[in-house]
Amino acid sequence: MIRRVPPPLVAFLAILAIWQVLSVGQPAYLLPGPGVVLTRLWQLTAVQPVLWGALQLSLGALLVGGSLAFAVGVPLGVVMGASGPLERAVGPYANAMYVAPVSALTPLFVWWFGIGLEPRIATVFVFSAPVIVLTCYRGARETPRTLAEVARVFGAARLQIFTLVVLPHALPYVVTAARLGIGRAVKGTVLAELVISITGLGELLSGFAHVFDTASLMASVAFLILFGLVLQAILARVEVAVAPWRRQAA
């Protein structure tokens, strides 16, 4: 019995084939072939683990900024969804920060905090907090009214409705917010280091770009994509464990 090839694998192989065709006859600094990039990725991760060392330097800003965004964004978003006055007061600013050009704010953070860890943490926080706030807000806001009304009929107070009805309904959205936030945090980390160019992955990417080492640059980008996908896959497992009905619905 012939097994059906998964569509993502077909798409990946098609991309590699198109990439290989386009790279034929091109100089290495312009468009290296997929084989060259994969070889360079192996060299930078296994032979000389340069990327792992750069990632280790970047993890401080990623973990601190992402954790702060989660710690602030989750309660703010859930309470916004459960409180109309807070939603009207804070909602426009959360939406404004979501669409704000964070890359333009990073130089301001450098002026305010210097060129240490603080501006990178601030960039990661601003990059990931709005999406966490808005996702958690949506989870709390979409709590079925009937559930709250039934709880109210049985004599539940507002705080009990919030803790026993709104929070359980918003919990899967909190995990989704973490998935979206970690992806934004990775982007924010690299963005900050590219602008500041003092350490970590940003410094490595900038160095490769300055010497036109396109293969190493593309290999580093592939490494970042794989790192982000692994983190999101872990959180997806957590989401299924927290809300198994979502998988069944899908």
Protein backbone atom coordinates (compact mmCIF):
# COMPACT_ATOMS: atom_id res chain seq x y z
CA MET A 1 0.00 0.00 0.00
CA ILE A 2 1.44 3.35 -1.09
CA ARG A 3 1.43 5.95 1.60
CA ARG A 4 0.21 9.42 0.78
CA VAL A 5 2.99 12.02 0.89
CA PRO A 6 2.16 14.79 3.40
CA PRO A 7 1.35 18.09 1.63
CA PRO A 8 3.89 20.07 3.72
CA LEU A 9 6.66 17.73 2.53
CA VAL A 10 5.55 18.14 -1.07
CA ALA A 11 5.59 21.93 -0.70
CA PHE A 12 9.04 21.81 0.95
CA LEU A 13 10.50 19.67 -1.83
CA ALA A 14 8.97 21.96 -4.44
CA ILE A 15 10.53 25.00 -2.79
CA LEU A 16 13.92 23.28 -2.71
CA ALA A 17 13.60 22.35 -6.39
CA ILE A 18 12.67 25.91 -7.43
CA TRP A 19 15.47 27.28 -5.26
CA GLN A 20 17.99 24.92 -6.85
CA VAL A 21 16.91 25.90 -10.36
CA LEU A 22 17.10 29.62 -9.58
CA SER A 23 20.57 29.26 -8.02
CA VAL A 24 22.13 27.61 -11.08
CA GLY A 25 24.65 29.98 -12.63
CA GLN A 26 24.29 32.54 -9.83
CA PRO A 27 27.33 33.69 -7.81
CA ALA A 28 27.52 32.32 -4.26
CA TYR A 29 27.19 35.78 -2.72
CA LEU A 30 23.90 36.35 -4.54
CA LEU A 31 21.99 33.07 -4.28
CA PRO A 32 23.73 29.92 -3.03
CA GLY A 33 22.01 26.62 -3.69
CA PRO A 34 20.10 24.72 -0.98
CA GLY A 35 22.87 22.13 -0.69
CA VAL A 36 25.43 24.83 0.07
CA VAL A 37 23.18 26.43 2.69
CA LEU A 38 22.38 23.10 4.36
CA THR A 39 26.08 22.23 4.47
CA ARG A 40 26.84 25.59 6.02
CA LEU A 41 24.04 25.08 8.55
CA TRP A 42 25.62 21.77 9.56
CA GLN A 43 29.00 23.42 9.91
CA LEU A 44 27.68 26.30 12.04
CA THR A 45 25.71 24.03 14.37
CA ALA A 46 27.66 20.76 14.59
CA VAL A 47 31.22 21.23 13.36
CA GLN A 48 31.81 24.69 14.81
CA PRO A 49 28.74 25.44 16.95
CA VAL A 50 28.86 29.18 16.33
CA LEU A 51 25.08 29.51 16.15
CA TRP A 52 24.54 27.76 19.47
CA GLY A 53 26.99 30.13 21.15
CA ALA A 54 25.27 33.16 19.63
CA LEU A 55 21.87 31.81 20.68
CA GLN A 56 23.14 31.41 24.22
CA LEU A 57 24.11 35.08 24.29
CA SER A 58 20.69 36.07 22.96
CA LEU A 59 18.65 33.95 25.35
CA GLY A 60 18.90 36.48 28.19
CA ALA A 61 16.92 39.17 26.38
CA LEU A 62 14.58 36.57 24.87
CA LEU A 63 13.71 34.91 28.18
CA VAL A 64 13.46 38.07 30.30
CA GLY A 65 11.59 40.14 27.72
CA GLY A 66 9.28 37.27 26.78
CA SER A 67 8.57 36.39 30.42
CA LEU A 68 7.75 40.01 31.25
CA ALA A 69 5.45 40.24 28.23
CA PHE A 70 3.65 37.08 29.33
CA ALA A 71 3.44 38.14 32.98
CA VAL A 72 1.98 41.54 32.06
CA GLY A 73 0.03 40.62 28.93
CA VAL A 74 -1.96 37.63 30.21
CA PRO A 75 -3.63 39.23 33.26
CA LEU A 76 -4.11 42.52 31.45
CA GLY A 77 -5.72 40.85 28.44
CA VAL A 78 -7.99 38.57 30.48
CA VAL A 79 -9.16 41.40 32.77
CA MET A 80 -9.71 43.61 29.71
CA GLY A 81 -11.98 40.95 28.23
CA ALA A 82 -13.98 40.70 31.45
CA SER A 83 -14.18 44.42 32.19
CA GLY A 84 -15.83 46.83 29.79
CA PRO A 85 -14.39 50.01 31.35
CA LEU A 86 -10.84 48.64 31.29
CA GLU A 87 -11.31 47.52 27.69
CA ARG A 88 -12.40 51.02 26.67
CA ALA A 89 -9.51 52.60 28.58
CA VAL A 90 -6.64 50.29 27.53
CA GLY A 91 -7.88 48.60 24.34
CA PRO A 92 -7.00 51.44 21.92
CA TYR A 93 -3.45 51.59 23.28
CA ALA A 94 -2.98 47.83 23.01
CA ASN A 95 -4.11 47.95 19.38
CA ALA A 96 -1.86 50.94 18.72
CA MET A 97 1.18 49.11 20.10
CA TYR A 98 0.31 46.04 18.01
CA VAL A 99 0.55 48.02 14.77
CA ALA A 100 3.39 50.29 15.92
CA PRO A 101 6.72 49.98 14.00
CA VAL A 102 8.83 48.46 16.79
CA SER A 103 11.99 48.75 14.70
CA ALA A 104 11.61 52.53 14.93
CA LEU A 105 11.30 52.34 18.72
CA THR A 106 14.51 50.34 19.27
CA PRO A 107 16.83 53.37 18.77
CA LEU A 108 14.79 55.19 21.41
CA PHE A 109 15.36 52.34 23.85
CA VAL A 110 19.09 52.60 23.15
CA TRP A 111 19.04 56.33 23.92
CA TRP A 112 17.07 55.77 27.11
CA PHE A 113 18.73 52.60 28.46
CA GLY A 114 22.17 52.51 26.81
CA ILE A 115 23.53 49.57 24.81
CA GLY A 116 23.35 46.84 27.43
CA LEU A 117 20.72 44.19 28.00
CA GLU A 118 17.92 46.64 28.87
CA PRO A 119 17.12 47.97 25.36
CA ARG A 120 16.99 44.44 24.00
CA ILE A 121 14.61 43.38 26.77
CA ALA A 122 12.45 46.43 26.07
CA THR A 123 12.33 45.62 22.36
CA VAL A 124 11.34 42.00 22.99
CA PHE A 125 8.67 43.12 25.46
CA VAL A 126 7.12 45.70 23.13
CA PHE A 127 7.30 43.27 20.23
CA SER A 128 5.48 40.41 21.97
CA ALA A 129 3.28 41.95 24.69
CA PRO A 130 0.54 43.43 22.44
CA VAL A 131 -0.24 40.14 20.69
CA ILE A 132 -0.41 38.38 24.07
CA VAL A 133 -2.75 41.05 25.46
CA LEU A 134 -5.09 40.96 22.45
CA THR A 135 -5.21 37.16 22.27
CA CYS A 136 -6.02 36.77 25.97
CA TYR A 137 -8.56 39.58 25.66
CA ARG A 138 -10.30 37.70 22.88
CA GLY A 139 -10.41 34.52 24.95
CA ALA A 140 -12.05 36.25 27.91
CA ARG A 141 -14.31 38.39 25.72
CA GLU A 142 -15.72 35.38 23.86
CA THR A 143 -16.83 33.56 27.02
CA PRO A 144 -20.42 32.45 26.29
CA ARG A 145 -22.91 34.71 28.04
CA THR A 146 -25.08 31.71 28.94
CA LEU A 147 -22.32 30.28 31.15
CA ALA A 148 -22.05 33.52 33.10
CA GLU A 149 -25.83 33.82 33.36
CA VAL A 150 -26.19 30.28 34.68
CA ALA A 151 -23.50 30.94 37.27
CA ARG A 152 -25.26 34.15 38.26
CA VAL A 153 -28.57 32.34 38.64
CA PHE A 154 -26.93 29.91 41.07
CA GLY A 155 -25.76 32.85 43.18
CA ALA A 156 -22.16 33.24 41.96
CA ALA A 157 -20.55 36.59 42.69
CA ARG A 158 -18.63 38.55 40.04
CA LEU A 159 -15.28 37.28 41.31
CA GLN A 160 -16.53 33.69 41.24
CA ILE A 161 -17.81 34.12 37.68
CA PHE A 162 -14.41 35.47 36.69
CA THR A 163 -12.42 32.67 38.32
CA LEU A 164 -14.78 29.75 37.57
CA VAL A 165 -16.15 30.73 34.15
CA VAL A 166 -14.03 33.36 32.40
CA LEU A 167 -10.57 32.05 33.34
CA PRO A 168 -11.19 28.40 32.31
CA HIS A 169 -12.61 29.58 28.97
CA ALA A 170 -9.62 31.88 28.40
CA LEU A 171 -6.98 29.28 29.33
CA PRO A 172 -6.55 27.80 25.81
CA TYR A 173 -6.20 31.35 24.48
CA VAL A 174 -3.45 31.96 27.03
CA VAL A 175 -1.47 29.05 25.58
CA THR A 176 -2.14 30.35 22.07
CA ALA A 177 -0.94 33.76 23.20
CA ALA A 178 2.27 32.14 24.46
CA ARG A 179 2.77 30.48 21.06
CA LEU A 180 2.31 33.74 19.21
CA GLY A 181 4.33 35.67 21.75
CA ILE A 182 7.37 33.40 21.60
CA GLY A 183 7.54 33.83 17.83
CA ARG A 184 7.37 37.60 18.19
CA ALA A 185 9.95 37.46 20.99
CA VAL A 186 12.45 35.68 18.73
CA LYS A 187 11.91 38.34 16.06
CA GLY A 188 12.27 41.12 18.60
CA THR A 189 15.51 39.65 19.95
CA VAL A 190 17.15 39.50 16.54
CA LEU A 191 15.79 42.92 15.58
CA ALA A 192 17.24 44.54 18.70
CA GLU A 193 20.63 42.92 18.17
CA LEU A 194 20.70 43.91 14.52
CA VAL A 195 20.06 47.54 15.45
CA ILE A 196 22.39 47.55 18.44
CA SER A 197 24.89 45.06 16.92
CA ILE A 198 26.75 44.23 20.12
CA THR A 199 26.26 40.54 20.72
CA GLY A 200 24.40 37.34 19.96
CA LEU A 201 22.58 36.35 16.83
CA GLY A 202 22.16 39.90 15.60
CA GLU A 203 25.89 40.53 15.65
CA LEU A 204 26.49 37.22 13.85
CA LEU A 205 23.94 38.02 11.13
CA SER A 206 25.36 41.51 10.70
CA GLY A 207 28.88 40.08 10.38
CA PHE A 208 27.84 37.61 7.69
CA ALA A 209 26.06 40.36 5.77
CA HIS A 210 29.06 42.69 5.86
CA VAL A 211 31.33 40.11 4.22
CA PHE A 212 28.64 38.95 1.73
CA ASP A 213 28.61 35.44 3.22
CA THR A 214 25.10 34.76 1.95
CA ALA A 215 25.22 31.01 2.62
CA SER A 216 26.02 31.56 6.30
CA LEU A 217 23.41 34.30 6.50
CA MET A 218 20.70 32.06 5.04
CA ALA A 219 21.82 29.17 7.24
CA SER A 220 21.49 31.40 10.31
CA VAL A 221 17.99 32.46 9.26
CA ALA A 222 17.06 28.80 8.77
CA PHE A 223 18.41 28.05 12.24
CA LEU A 224 16.24 30.79 13.74
CA ILE A 225 13.18 29.51 11.91
CA LEU A 226 13.78 25.97 13.17
CA PHE A 227 14.33 27.25 16.71
CA GLY A 228 11.06 29.18 16.63
CA LEU A 229 9.19 26.20 15.16
CA VAL A 230 10.47 23.90 17.91
CA LEU A 231 9.31 26.33 20.60
CA GLN A 232 5.90 26.65 18.96
CA ALA A 233 5.59 22.86 18.61
CA ILE A 234 6.25 22.46 22.34
CA LEU A 235 3.60 25.03 23.18
CA ALA A 236 1.19 23.38 20.73
CA ARG A 237 1.51 20.17 22.76
CA VAL A 238 0.76 22.16 25.90
CA GLU A 239 -2.29 23.66 24.20
CA VAL A 240 -3.64 20.21 23.31
CA ALA A 241 -3.06 19.05 26.89
CA VAL A 242 -4.85 22.09 28.31
CA ALA A 243 -7.73 22.08 25.78
CA PRO A 244 -8.03 18.64 24.13
CA TRP A 245 -11.41 19.56 22.66
CA ARG A 246 -9.64 21.95 20.27
CA ARG A 247 -7.88 19.08 18.53
CA GLN A 248 -11.16 17.17 18.28
CA ALA A 249 -12.87 20.24 16.81
CA ALA A 250 -10.09 20.60 14.26
